[in-house]
Amino acid sequence: MEISQSIGTASDRVLEALRAGLEIEFGRGAGEALAGRFLDAEEIDFRWDARVEERWIGAHENADDDEFELDRIAICGRFDGVWFCATMLVTGNGQAHSMIRCRQFRSLAMARDAMFRAP
């Protein structure tokens, strides 16, 4: 038997487990605050992993002449129970490098529409 679920659903479970584990370790109320710090530090990777769809926008033109080339990719997904659309800079091997912008939406349809309209 095979069980499958969206990455957004899995990310919600991971966040719940993170909060619960931090509460067990550091006490009631600390879980939410500490989880917020983890999420702030790793938001780019969490959102990249929570994407359900992506669209290549184009190569990122960087004036600093980085050692590697980056692509601009628009993504949509669900993170912490909220649908979002973000524009990410991604390395050639598919690793998120940075996030240019991120907006939240009430539904997948709205996030997906924003992804297709991303510049």
PDB file of N, CA and C in Angstrom:
ATOM      1  N   MET A   1       0.833  -1.166   0.000  1.00  0.00           N
ATOM      2  CA  MET A   1       0.000   0.000   0.000  1.00  0.00           C
ATOM      3  C   MET A   1       0.888   1.242   0.000  1.00  0.00           C
ATOM      4  N   GLU A   2       0.512   2.232  -0.784  1.00  0.00           N
ATOM      5  CA  GLU A   2       1.272   3.466  -0.887  1.00  0.00           C
ATOM      6  C   GLU A   2       0.453   4.614  -0.331  1.00  0.00           C
ATOM      7  N   ILE A   3       1.076   5.423   0.500  1.00  0.00           N
ATOM      8  CA  ILE A   3       0.427   6.612   1.040  1.00  0.00           C
ATOM      9  C   ILE A   3       1.164   7.813   0.498  1.00  0.00           C
ATOM     10  N   SER A   4       0.433   8.756  -0.079  1.00  0.00           N
ATOM     11  CA  SER A   4       1.074   9.970  -0.569  1.00  0.00           C
ATOM     12  C   SER A   4       0.326  11.170  -0.046  1.00  0.00           C
ATOM     13  N   GLN A   5       1.050  12.262   0.101  1.00  0.00           N
ATOM     14  CA  GLN A   5       0.459  13.511   0.548  1.00  0.00           C
ATOM     15  C   GLN A   5       1.258  14.646  -0.047  1.00  0.00           C
ATOM     16  N   SER A   6       0.654  15.822  -0.091  1.00  0.00           N
ATOM     17  CA  SER A   6       1.359  16.957  -0.657  1.00  0.00           C
ATOM     18  C   SER A   6       2.513  17.360   0.249  1.00  0.00           C
ATOM     19  N   ILE A   7       3.498  18.006  -0.342  1.00  0.00           N
ATOM     20  CA  ILE A   7       4.626  18.486   0.442  1.00  0.00           C
ATOM     21  C   ILE A   7       4.142  19.519   1.449  1.00  0.00           C
ATOM     22  N   GLY A   8       3.138  20.317   1.081  1.00  0.00           N
ATOM     23  CA  GLY A   8       2.593  21.302   2.009  1.00  0.00           C
ATOM     24  C   GLY A   8       2.029  20.660   3.258  1.00  0.00           C
ATOM     25  N   THR A   9       1.332  19.541   3.096  1.00  0.00           N
ATOM     26  CA  THR A   9       0.798  18.816   4.246  1.00  0.00           C
ATOM     27  C   THR A   9       1.935  18.261   5.092  1.00  0.00           C
ATOM     28  N   ALA A  10       2.945  17.731   4.446  1.00  0.00           N
ATOM     29  CA  ALA A  10       4.095  17.201   5.177  1.00  0.00           C
ATOM     30  C   ALA A  10       4.818  18.317   5.924  1.00  0.00           C
ATOM     31  N   SER A  11       4.947  19.502   5.318  1.00  0.00           N
ATOM     32  CA  SER A  11       5.628  20.605   6.005  1.00  0.00           C
ATOM     33  C   SER A  11       4.846  21.050   7.228  1.00  0.00           C
ATOM     34  N   ASP A  12       3.519  21.000   7.153  1.00  0.00           N
ATOM     35  CA  ASP A  12       2.698  21.341   8.322  1.00  0.00           C
ATOM     36  C   ASP A  12       2.970  20.357   9.462  1.00  0.00           C
ATOM     37  N   ARG A  13       3.098  19.068   9.136  1.00  0.00           N
ATOM     38  CA  ARG A  13       3.397  18.063  10.157  1.00  0.00           C
ATOM     39  C   ARG A  13       4.782  18.277  10.760  1.00  0.00           C
ATOM     40  N   VAL A  14       5.744  18.647   9.924  1.00  0.00           N
ATOM     41  CA  VAL A  14       7.095  18.905  10.412  1.00  0.00           C
ATOM     42  C   VAL A  14       7.090  20.087  11.372  1.00  0.00           C
ATOM     43  N   LEU A  15       6.362  21.135  11.030  1.00  0.00           N
ATOM     44  CA  LEU A  15       6.293  22.311  11.898  1.00  0.00           C
ATOM     45  C   LEU A  15       5.632  21.977  13.228  1.00  0.00           C
ATOM     46  N   GLU A  16       4.558  21.190  13.187  1.00  0.00           N
ATOM     47  CA  GLU A  16       3.894  20.773  14.421  1.00  0.00           C
ATOM     48  C   GLU A  16       4.845  19.953  15.292  1.00  0.00           C
ATOM     49  N   ALA A  17       5.592  19.044  14.673  1.00  0.00           N
ATOM     50  CA  ALA A  17       6.539  18.221  15.426  1.00  0.00           C
ATOM     51  C   ALA A  17       7.668  19.080  15.998  1.00  0.00           C
ATOM     52  N   LEU A  18       8.132  20.060  15.243  1.00  0.00           N
ATOM     53  CA  LEU A  18       9.173  20.960  15.727  1.00  0.00           C
ATOM     54  C   LEU A  18       8.689  21.715  16.961  1.00  0.00           C
ATOM     55  N   ARG A  19       7.503  22.294  16.871  1.00  0.00           N
ATOM     56  CA  ARG A  19       6.953  23.037  18.005  1.00  0.00           C
ATOM     57  C   ARG A  19       6.763  22.136  19.225  1.00  0.00           C
ATOM     58  N   ALA A  20       6.208  20.948  19.006  1.00  0.00           N
ATOM     59  CA  ALA A  20       5.967  20.021  20.114  1.00  0.00           C
ATOM     60  C   ALA A  20       7.283  19.592  20.765  1.00  0.00           C
ATOM     61  N   GLY A  21       8.274  19.282  19.969  1.00  0.00           N
ATOM     62  CA  GLY A  21       9.567  18.869  20.504  1.00  0.00           C
ATOM     63  C   GLY A  21      10.241  19.971  21.297  1.00  0.00           C
ATOM     64  N   LEU A  22      10.133  21.197  20.806  1.00  0.00           N
ATOM     65  CA  LEU A  22      10.725  22.325  21.532  1.00  0.00           C
ATOM     66  C   LEU A  22       9.992  22.588  22.845  1.00  0.00           C
ATOM     67  N   GLU A  23       8.661  22.376  22.855  1.00  0.00           N
ATOM     68  CA  GLU A  23       7.918  22.536  24.116  1.00  0.00           C
ATOM     69  C   GLU A  23       8.318  21.476  25.129  1.00  0.00           C
ATOM     70  N   ILE A  24       8.520  20.262  24.671  1.00  0.00           N
ATOM     71  CA  ILE A  24       8.952  19.187  25.577  1.00  0.00           C
ATOM     72  C   ILE A  24      10.320  19.527  26.158  1.00  0.00           C
ATOM     73  N   GLU A  25      11.202  20.014  25.319  1.00  0.00           N
ATOM     74  CA  GLU A  25      12.574  20.290  25.754  1.00  0.00           C
ATOM     75  C   GLU A  25      12.694  21.546  26.614  1.00  0.00           C
ATOM     76  N   PHE A  26      11.958  22.619  26.232  1.00  0.00           N
ATOM     77  CA  PHE A  26      12.174  23.912  26.884  1.00  0.00           C
ATOM     78  C   PHE A  26      10.966  24.455  27.643  1.00  0.00           C
ATOM     79  N   GLY A  27       9.866  23.719  27.643  1.00  0.00           N
ATOM     80  CA  GLY A  27       8.707  24.141  28.416  1.00  0.00           C
ATOM     81  C   GLY A  27       7.616  24.771  27.576  1.00  0.00           C
ATOM     82  N   ARG A  28       6.446  24.809  28.202  1.00  0.00           N
ATOM     83  CA  ARG A  28       5.248  25.331  27.544  1.00  0.00           C
ATOM     84  C   ARG A  28       5.462  26.790  27.134  1.00  0.00           C
ATOM     85  N   GLY A  29       5.051  27.125  25.935  1.00  0.00           N
ATOM     86  CA  GLY A  29       5.189  28.479  25.421  1.00  0.00           C
ATOM     87  C   GLY A  29       6.499  28.731  24.703  1.00  0.00           C
ATOM     88  N   ALA A  30       7.530  28.020  25.089  1.00  0.00           N
ATOM     89  CA  ALA A  30       8.838  28.215  24.449  1.00  0.00           C
ATOM     90  C   ALA A  30       8.854  27.627  23.045  1.00  0.00           C
ATOM     91  N   GLY A  31       8.068  26.584  22.815  1.00  0.00           N
ATOM     92  CA  GLY A  31       8.061  25.911  21.515  1.00  0.00           C
ATOM     93  C   GLY A  31       7.711  26.842  20.382  1.00  0.00           C
ATOM     94  N   GLU A  32       6.674  27.635  20.571  1.00  0.00           N
ATOM     95  CA  GLU A  32       6.231  28.554  19.512  1.00  0.00           C
ATOM     96  C   GLU A  32       7.289  29.619  19.244  1.00  0.00           C
ATOM     97  N   ALA A  33       7.844  30.197  20.307  1.00  0.00           N
ATOM     98  CA  ALA A  33       8.852  31.251  20.145  1.00  0.00           C
ATOM     99  C   ALA A  33      10.118  30.719  19.490  1.00  0.00           C
ATOM    100  N   LEU A  34      10.600  29.575  19.953  1.00  0.00           N
ATOM    101  CA  LEU A  34      11.822  29.007  19.380  1.00  0.00           C
ATOM    102  C   LEU A  34      11.599  28.517  17.953  1.00  0.00           C
ATOM    103  N   ALA A  35      10.423  27.956  17.693  1.00  0.00           N
ATOM    104  CA  ALA A  35      10.116  27.517  16.327  1.00  0.00           C
ATOM    105  C   ALA A  35      10.141  28.713  15.382  1.00  0.00           C
ATOM    106  N   GLY A  36       9.657  29.852  15.851  1.00  0.00           N
ATOM    107  CA  GLY A  36       9.689  31.067  15.037  1.00  0.00           C
ATOM    108  C   GLY A  36      11.103  31.455  14.658  1.00  0.00           C
ATOM    109  N   ARG A  37      12.032  31.286  15.581  1.00  0.00           N
ATOM    110  CA  ARG A  37      13.444  31.594  15.293  1.00  0.00           C
ATOM    111  C   ARG A  37      14.020  30.620  14.262  1.00  0.00           C
ATOM    112  N   PHE A  38      13.680  29.332  14.401  1.00  0.00           N
ATOM    113  CA  PHE A  38      14.126  28.348  13.418  1.00  0.00           C
ATOM    114  C   PHE A  38      13.576  28.695  12.038  1.00  0.00           C
ATOM    115  N   LEU A  39      12.297  29.029  11.991  1.00  0.00           N
ATOM    116  CA  LEU A  39      11.656  29.326  10.714  1.00  0.00           C
ATOM    117  C   LEU A  39      12.254  30.573  10.076  1.00  0.00           C
ATOM    118  N   ASP A  40      12.528  31.599  10.882  1.00  0.00           N
ATOM    119  CA  ASP A  40      13.149  32.808  10.333  1.00  0.00           C
ATOM    120  C   ASP A  40      14.510  32.496   9.726  1.00  0.00           C
ATOM    121  N   ALA A  41      15.281  31.676  10.411  1.00  0.00           N
ATOM    122  CA  ALA A  41      16.631  31.355   9.951  1.00  0.00           C
ATOM    123  C   ALA A  41      16.629  30.469   8.708  1.00  0.00           C
ATOM    124  N   GLU A  42      15.628  29.634   8.572  1.00  0.00           N
ATOM    125  CA  GLU A  42      15.603  28.653   7.486  1.00  0.00           C
ATOM    126  C   GLU A  42      14.411  28.820   6.549  1.00  0.00           C
ATOM    127  N   GLU A  43      13.797  30.000   6.537  1.00  0.00           N
ATOM    128  CA  GLU A  43      12.565  30.207   5.768  1.00  0.00           C
ATOM    129  C   GLU A  43      12.729  29.863   4.292  1.00  0.00           C
ATOM    130  N   ILE A  44      13.837  30.244   3.708  1.00  0.00           N
ATOM    131  CA  ILE A  44      14.049  29.994   2.275  1.00  0.00           C
ATOM    132  C   ILE A  44      13.963  28.500   1.982  1.00  0.00           C
ATOM    133  N   ASP A  45      14.659  27.686   2.760  1.00  0.00           N
ATOM    134  CA  ASP A  45      14.635  26.239   2.534  1.00  0.00           C
ATOM    135  C   ASP A  45      13.268  25.637   2.826  1.00  0.00           C
ATOM    136  N   PHE A  46      12.608  26.104   3.888  1.00  0.00           N
ATOM    137  CA  PHE A  46      11.271  25.589   4.203  1.00  0.00           C
ATOM    138  C   PHE A  46      10.301  25.882   3.062  1.00  0.00           C
ATOM    139  N   ARG A  47      10.308  27.098   2.559  1.00  0.00           N
ATOM    140  CA  ARG A  47       9.384  27.445   1.463  1.00  0.00           C
ATOM    141  C   ARG A  47       9.736  26.688   0.182  1.00  0.00           C
ATOM    142  N   TRP A  48      11.021  26.555  -0.111  1.00  0.00           N
ATOM    143  CA  TRP A  48      11.429  25.813  -1.298  1.00  0.00           C
ATOM    144  C   TRP A  48      10.943  24.369  -1.211  1.00  0.00           C
ATOM    145  N   ASP A  49      11.103  23.756  -0.050  1.00  0.00           N
ATOM    146  CA  ASP A  49      10.681  22.367   0.133  1.00  0.00           C
ATOM    147  C   ASP A  49       9.165  22.220   0.154  1.00  0.00           C
ATOM    148  N   ALA A  50       8.442  23.287   0.502  1.00  0.00           N
ATOM    149  CA  ALA A  50       6.980  23.224   0.596  1.00  0.00           C
ATOM    150  C   ALA A  50       6.294  23.551  -0.726  1.00  0.00           C
ATOM    151  N   ARG A  51       7.054  23.811  -1.775  1.00  0.00           N
ATOM    152  CA  ARG A  51       6.434  24.185  -3.050  1.00  0.00           C
ATOM    153  C   ARG A  51       5.651  23.013  -3.631  1.00  0.00           C
ATOM    154  N   VAL A  52       4.543  23.329  -4.278  1.00  0.00           N
ATOM    155  CA  VAL A  52       3.770  22.303  -4.970  1.00  0.00           C
ATOM    156  C   VAL A  52       3.856  22.476  -6.479  1.00  0.00           C
ATOM    157  N   GLU A  53       4.287  23.684  -6.890  1.00  0.00           N
ATOM    158  CA  GLU A  53       4.455  23.959  -8.309  1.00  0.00           C
ATOM    159  C   GLU A  53       5.548  25.002  -8.471  1.00  0.00           C
ATOM    160  N   GLU A  54       6.162  24.997  -9.646  1.00  0.00           N
ATOM    161  CA  GLU A  54       7.191  25.995  -9.907  1.00  0.00           C
ATOM    162  C   GLU A  54       7.179  26.374 -11.374  1.00  0.00           C
ATOM    163  N   ARG A  55       7.700  27.572 -11.656  1.00  0.00           N
ATOM    164  CA  ARG A  55       7.782  28.067 -13.040  1.00  0.00           C
ATOM    165  C   ARG A  55       9.095  28.818 -13.203  1.00  0.00           C
ATOM    166  N   TRP A  56       9.877  28.420 -14.197  1.00  0.00           N
ATOM    167  CA  TRP A  56      11.128  29.100 -14.478  1.00  0.00           C
ATOM    168  C   TRP A  56      10.817  30.451 -15.086  1.00  0.00           C
ATOM    169  N   ILE A  57      11.401  31.510 -14.542  1.00  0.00           N
ATOM    170  CA  ILE A  57      11.171  32.866 -15.054  1.00  0.00           C
ATOM    171  C   ILE A  57      12.304  33.279 -15.978  1.00  0.00           C
ATOM    172  N   GLY A  58      13.536  32.971 -15.596  1.00  0.00           N
ATOM    173  CA  GLY A  58      14.687  33.331 -16.420  1.00  0.00           C
ATOM    174  C   GLY A  58      15.955  33.331 -15.591  1.00  0.00           C
ATOM    175  N   ALA A  59      17.047  33.609 -16.258  1.00  0.00           N
ATOM    176  CA  ALA A  59      18.337  33.677 -15.569  1.00  0.00           C
ATOM    177  C   ALA A  59      18.380  34.961 -14.743  1.00  0.00           C
ATOM    178  N   HIS A  60      19.028  34.873 -13.607  1.00  0.00           N
ATOM    179  CA  HIS A  60      19.195  36.042 -12.747  1.00  0.00           C
ATOM    180  C   HIS A  60      20.448  36.789 -13.182  1.00  0.00           C
ATOM    181  N   GLU A  61      20.282  38.056 -13.488  1.00  0.00           N
ATOM    182  CA  GLU A  61      21.424  38.864 -13.899  1.00  0.00           C
ATOM    183  C   GLU A  61      21.988  39.540 -12.659  1.00  0.00           C
ATOM    184  N   ASN A  62      23.222  39.193 -12.340  1.00  0.00           N
ATOM    185  CA  ASN A  62      23.848  39.693 -11.131  1.00  0.00           C
ATOM    186  C   ASN A  62      25.036  40.577 -11.496  1.00  0.00           C
ATOM    187  N   ALA A  63      25.035  41.796 -10.976  1.00  0.00           N
ATOM    188  CA  ALA A  63      26.116  42.737 -11.266  1.00  0.00           C
ATOM    189  C   ALA A  63      27.403  42.377 -10.538  1.00  0.00           C
ATOM    190  N   ASP A  64      27.315  41.546  -9.505  1.00  0.00           N
ATOM    191  CA  ASP A  64      28.492  41.210  -8.704  1.00  0.00           C
ATOM    192  C   ASP A  64      29.341  40.104  -9.313  1.00  0.00           C
ATOM    193  N   ASP A  65      28.919  39.534 -10.423  1.00  0.00           N
ATOM    194  CA  ASP A  65      29.661  38.427 -11.052  1.00  0.00           C
ATOM    195  C   ASP A  65      29.941  37.288 -10.079  1.00  0.00           C
ATOM    196  N   ASP A  66      28.887  36.714  -9.525  1.00  0.00           N
ATOM    197  CA  ASP A  66      29.033  35.571  -8.618  1.00  0.00           C
ATOM    198  C   ASP A  66      29.767  34.433  -9.305  1.00  0.00           C
ATOM    199  N   GLU A  67      30.260  33.520  -8.496  1.00  0.00           N
ATOM    200  CA  GLU A  67      30.984  32.355  -9.023  1.00  0.00           C
ATOM    201  C   GLU A  67      30.051  31.381  -9.730  1.00  0.00           C
ATOM    202  N   PHE A  68      28.754  31.493  -9.493  1.00  0.00           N
ATOM    203  CA  PHE A  68      27.811  30.560 -10.093  1.00  0.00           C
ATOM    204  C   PHE A  68      26.605  31.326 -10.619  1.00  0.00           C
ATOM    205  N   GLU A  69      25.929  30.707 -11.559  1.00  0.00           N
ATOM    206  CA  GLU A  69      24.750  31.322 -12.157  1.00  0.00           C
ATOM    207  C   GLU A  69      23.516  30.928 -11.364  1.00  0.00           C
ATOM    208  N   LEU A  70      22.573  31.849 -11.293  1.00  0.00           N
ATOM    209  CA  LEU A  70      21.319  31.607 -10.584  1.00  0.00           C
ATOM    210  C   LEU A  70      20.152  31.782 -11.535  1.00  0.00           C
ATOM    211  N   ASP A  71      19.103  31.018 -11.307  1.00  0.00           N
ATOM    212  CA  ASP A  71      17.862  31.152 -12.052  1.00  0.00           C
ATOM    213  C   ASP A  71      16.804  31.753 -11.152  1.00  0.00           C
ATOM    214  N   ARG A  72      15.900  32.527 -11.748  1.00  0.00           N
ATOM    215  CA  ARG A  72      14.725  33.027 -11.024  1.00  0.00           C
ATOM    216  C   ARG A  72      13.589  32.044 -11.267  1.00  0.00           C
ATOM    217  N   ILE A  73      13.031  31.555 -10.181  1.00  0.00           N
ATOM    218  CA  ILE A  73      11.953  30.582 -10.274  1.00  0.00           C
ATOM    219  C   ILE A  73      10.814  31.031  -9.375  1.00  0.00           C
ATOM    220  N   ALA A  74       9.614  31.096  -9.944  1.00  0.00           N
ATOM    221  CA  ALA A  74       8.416  31.400  -9.161  1.00  0.00           C
ATOM    222  C   ALA A  74       7.850  30.075  -8.656  1.00  0.00           C
ATOM    223  N   ILE A  75       7.468  30.048  -7.389  1.00  0.00           N
ATOM    224  CA  ILE A  75       6.904  28.833  -6.802  1.00  0.00           C
ATOM    225  C   ILE A  75       5.612  29.178  -6.086  1.00  0.00           C
ATOM    226  N   CYS A  76       4.764  28.180  -5.921  1.00  0.00           N
ATOM    227  CA  CYS A  76       3.615  28.317  -5.034  1.00  0.00           C
ATOM    228  C   CYS A  76       3.540  27.051  -4.198  1.00  0.00           C
ATOM    229  N   GLY A  77       2.987  27.206  -3.014  1.00  0.00           N
ATOM    230  CA  GLY A  77       2.892  26.076  -2.110  1.00  0.00           C
ATOM    231  C   GLY A  77       2.170  26.458  -0.835  1.00  0.00           C
ATOM    232  N   ARG A  78       2.214  25.562   0.121  1.00  0.00           N
ATOM    233  CA  ARG A  78       1.578  25.821   1.419  1.00  0.00           C
ATOM    234  C   ARG A  78       2.614  25.620   2.511  1.00  0.00           C
ATOM    235  N   PHE A  79       2.735  26.642   3.350  1.00  0.00           N
ATOM    236  CA  PHE A  79       3.710  26.616   4.429  1.00  0.00           C
ATOM    237  C   PHE A  79       3.032  27.103   5.704  1.00  0.00           C
ATOM    238  N   ASP A  80       3.126  26.305   6.739  1.00  0.00           N
ATOM    239  CA  ASP A  80       2.525  26.626   8.029  1.00  0.00           C
ATOM    240  C   ASP A  80       1.032  26.920   7.881  1.00  0.00           C
ATOM    241  N   GLY A  81       0.374  26.153   7.013  1.00  0.00           N
ATOM    242  CA  GLY A  81      -1.074  26.257   6.834  1.00  0.00           C
ATOM    243  C   GLY A  81      -1.539  27.394   5.953  1.00  0.00           C
ATOM    244  N   VAL A  82      -0.617  28.120   5.311  1.00  0.00           N
ATOM    245  CA  VAL A  82      -0.979  29.277   4.495  1.00  0.00           C
ATOM    246  C   VAL A  82      -0.401  29.109   3.087  1.00  0.00           C
ATOM    247  N   TRP A  83      -1.220  29.380   2.074  1.00  0.00           N
ATOM    248  CA  TRP A  83      -0.763  29.302   0.684  1.00  0.00           C
ATOM    249  C   TRP A  83       0.098  30.522   0.383  1.00  0.00           C
ATOM    250  N   PHE A  84       1.126  30.335  -0.439  1.00  0.00           N
ATOM    251  CA  PHE A  84       2.022  31.426  -0.769  1.00  0.00           C
ATOM    252  C   PHE A  84       2.507  31.315  -2.210  1.00  0.00           C
ATOM    253  N   CYS A  85       3.020  32.427  -2.708  1.00  0.00           N
ATOM    254  CA  CYS A  85       3.734  32.488  -3.976  1.00  0.00           C
ATOM    255  C   CYS A  85       5.025  33.233  -3.678  1.00  0.00           C
ATOM    256  N   ALA A  86       6.146  32.705  -4.135  1.00  0.00           N
ATOM    257  CA  ALA A  86       7.442  33.333  -3.883  1.00  0.00           C
ATOM    258  C   ALA A  86       8.286  33.295  -5.145  1.00  0.00           C
ATOM    259  N   THR A  87       9.169  34.263  -5.270  1.00  0.00           N
ATOM    260  CA  THR A  87      10.169  34.256  -6.328  1.00  0.00           C
ATOM    261  C   THR A  87      11.503  33.964  -5.668  1.00  0.00           C
ATOM    262  N   MET A  88      12.143  32.903  -6.130  1.00  0.00           N
ATOM    263  CA  MET A  88      13.374  32.413  -5.525  1.00  0.00           C
ATOM    264  C   MET A  88      14.528  32.513  -6.528  1.00  0.00           C
ATOM    265  N   LEU A  89      15.731  32.651  -5.985  1.00  0.00           N
ATOM    266  CA  LEU A  89      16.935  32.482  -6.781  1.00  0.00           C
ATOM    267  C   LEU A  89      17.460  31.089  -6.459  1.00  0.00           C
ATOM    268  N   VAL A  90      17.697  30.303  -7.510  1.00  0.00           N
ATOM    269  CA  VAL A  90      18.021  28.889  -7.342  1.00  0.00           C
ATOM    270  C   VAL A  90      19.298  28.572  -8.120  1.00  0.00           C
ATOM    271  N   THR A  91      20.158  27.768  -7.517  1.00  0.00           N
ATOM    272  CA  THR A  91      21.400  27.363  -8.179  1.00  0.00           C
ATOM    273  C   THR A  91      21.105  26.357  -9.285  1.00  0.00           C
ATOM    274  N   GLY A  92      22.096  26.120 -10.118  1.00  0.00           N
ATOM    275  CA  GLY A  92      21.943  25.170 -11.217  1.00  0.00           C
ATOM    276  C   GLY A  92      21.659  23.753 -10.770  1.00  0.00           C
ATOM    277  N   ASN A  93      22.016  23.409  -9.529  1.00  0.00           N
ATOM    278  CA  ASN A  93      21.731  22.055  -9.037  1.00  0.00           C
ATOM    279  C   ASN A  93      20.443  21.990  -8.220  1.00  0.00           C
ATOM    280  N   GLY A  94      19.603  23.025  -8.334  1.00  0.00           N
ATOM    281  CA  GLY A  94      18.283  22.980  -7.726  1.00  0.00           C
ATOM    282  C   GLY A  94      18.218  23.330  -6.252  1.00  0.00           C
ATOM    283  N   GLN A  95      19.229  24.026  -5.732  1.00  0.00           N
ATOM    284  CA  GLN A  95      19.225  24.435  -4.330  1.00  0.00           C
ATOM    285  C   GLN A  95      18.794  25.896  -4.231  1.00  0.00           C
ATOM    286  N   ALA A  96      17.868  26.181  -3.326  1.00  0.00           N
ATOM    287  CA  ALA A  96      17.424  27.559  -3.117  1.00  0.00           C
ATOM    288  C   ALA A  96      18.582  28.377  -2.561  1.00  0.00           C
ATOM    289  N   HIS A  97      18.830  29.521  -3.157  1.00  0.00           N
ATOM    290  CA  HIS A  97      19.911  30.405  -2.737  1.00  0.00           C
ATOM    291  C   HIS A  97      19.366  31.571  -1.923  1.00  0.00           C
ATOM    292  N   SER A  98      18.292  32.192  -2.410  1.00  0.00           N
ATOM    293  CA  SER A  98      17.679  33.315  -1.705  1.00  0.00           C
ATOM    294  C   SER A  98      16.251  33.510  -2.212  1.00  0.00           C
ATOM    295  N   MET A  99      15.514  34.337  -1.491  1.00  0.00           N
ATOM    296  CA  MET A  99      14.123  34.609  -1.843  1.00  0.00           C
ATOM    297  C   MET A  99      13.996  36.099  -2.124  1.00  0.00           C
ATOM    298  N   ILE A 100      13.462  36.439  -3.280  1.00  0.00           N
ATOM    299  CA  ILE A 100      13.311  37.841  -3.661  1.00  0.00           C
ATOM    300  C   ILE A 100      12.043  38.428  -3.051  1.00  0.00           C
ATOM    301  N   ARG A 101      10.940  37.683  -3.154  1.00  0.00           N
ATOM    302  CA  ARG A 101       9.671  38.158  -2.592  1.00  0.00           C
ATOM    303  C   ARG A 101       8.790  36.976  -2.271  1.00  0.00           C
ATOM    304  N   CYS A 102       7.850  37.213  -1.376  1.00  0.00           N
ATOM    305  CA  CYS A 102       6.909  36.169  -0.991  1.00  0.00           C
ATOM    306  C   CYS A 102       5.607  36.831  -0.563  1.00  0.00           C
ATOM    307  N   ARG A 103       4.502  36.330  -1.096  1.00  0.00           N
ATOM    308  CA  ARG A 103       3.177  36.832  -0.713  1.00  0.00           C
ATOM    309  C   ARG A 103       2.308  35.664  -0.286  1.00  0.00           C
ATOM    310  N   GLN A 104       1.363  35.920   0.606  1.00  0.00           N
ATOM    311  CA  GLN A 104       0.466  34.886   1.101  1.00  0.00           C
ATOM    312  C   GLN A 104      -0.916  35.057   0.491  1.00  0.00           C
ATOM    313  N   PHE A 105      -1.637  33.915   0.371  1.00  0.00           N
ATOM    314  CA  PHE A 105      -2.949  33.912  -0.272  1.00  0.00           C
ATOM    315  C   PHE A 105      -3.914  33.013   0.491  1.00  0.00           C
ATOM    316  N   ARG A 106      -5.196  33.203   0.223  1.00  0.00           N
ATOM    317  CA  ARG A 106      -6.234  32.412   0.884  1.00  0.00           C
ATOM    318  C   ARG A 106      -6.439  31.048   0.256  1.00  0.00           C
ATOM    319  N   SER A 107      -5.963  30.866  -0.982  1.00  0.00           N
ATOM    320  CA  SER A 107      -6.213  29.588  -1.659  1.00  0.00           C
ATOM    321  C   SER A 107      -5.076  29.246  -2.605  1.00  0.00           C
ATOM    322  N   LEU A 108      -5.023  27.963  -2.967  1.00  0.00           N
ATOM    323  CA  LEU A 108      -4.043  27.513  -3.950  1.00  0.00           C
ATOM    324  C   LEU A 108      -4.276  28.205  -5.277  1.00  0.00           C
ATOM    325  N   ALA A 109      -5.529  28.376  -5.684  1.00  0.00           N
ATOM    326  CA  ALA A 109      -5.830  29.000  -6.970  1.00  0.00           C
ATOM    327  C   ALA A 109      -5.259  30.418  -7.038  1.00  0.00           C
ATOM    328  N   MET A 110      -5.381  31.175  -5.963  1.00  0.00           N
ATOM    329  CA  MET A 110      -4.856  32.541  -5.938  1.00  0.00           C
ATOM    330  C   MET A 110      -3.323  32.542  -5.962  1.00  0.00           C
ATOM    331  N   ALA A 111      -2.701  31.630  -5.205  1.00  0.00           N
ATOM    332  CA  ALA A 111      -1.239  31.544  -5.186  1.00  0.00           C
ATOM    333  C   ALA A 111      -0.714  31.103  -6.548  1.00  0.00           C
ATOM    334  N   ARG A 112      -1.405  30.175  -7.153  1.00  0.00           N
ATOM    335  CA  ARG A 112      -0.998  29.640  -8.461  1.00  0.00           C
ATOM    336  C   ARG A 112      -1.115  30.735  -9.538  1.00  0.00           C
ATOM    337  N   ASP A 113      -2.198  31.509  -9.484  1.00  0.00           N
ATOM    338  CA  ASP A 113      -2.389  32.611 -10.417  1.00  0.00           C
ATOM    339  C   ASP A 113      -1.240  33.623 -10.288  1.00  0.00           C
ATOM    340  N   ALA A 114      -0.869  33.941  -9.050  1.00  0.00           N
ATOM    341  CA  ALA A 114       0.236  34.881  -8.816  1.00  0.00           C
ATOM    342  C   ALA A 114       1.542  34.301  -9.343  1.00  0.00           C
ATOM    343  N   MET A 115       1.740  33.001  -9.217  1.00  0.00           N
ATOM    344  CA  MET A 115       2.950  32.359  -9.718  1.00  0.00           C
ATOM    345  C   MET A 115       3.057  32.518 -11.230  1.00  0.00           C
ATOM    346  N   PHE A 116       1.944  32.343 -11.934  1.00  0.00           N
ATOM    347  CA  PHE A 116       1.962  32.448 -13.389  1.00  0.00           C
ATOM    348  C   PHE A 116       2.125  33.888 -13.867  1.00  0.00           C
ATOM    349  N   ARG A 117       1.804  34.855 -13.017  1.00  0.00           N
ATOM    350  CA  ARG A 117       1.946  36.267 -13.366  1.00  0.00           C
ATOM    351  C   ARG A 117       3.248  36.871 -12.849  1.00  0.00           C
ATOM    352  N   ALA A 118       4.051  36.100 -12.115  1.00  0.00           N
ATOM    353  CA  ALA A 118       5.291  36.625 -11.544  1.00  0.00           C
ATOM    354  C   ALA A 118       6.241  37.097 -12.645  1.00  0.00           C
ATOM    355  N   PRO A 119       6.826  38.274 -12.445  1.00  0.00           N
ATOM    356  CA  PRO A 119       7.751  38.817 -13.473  1.00  0.00           C
ATOM    357  C   PRO A 119       9.083  38.103 -13.476  1.00  0.00           C
TER     358      PRO A 119
END
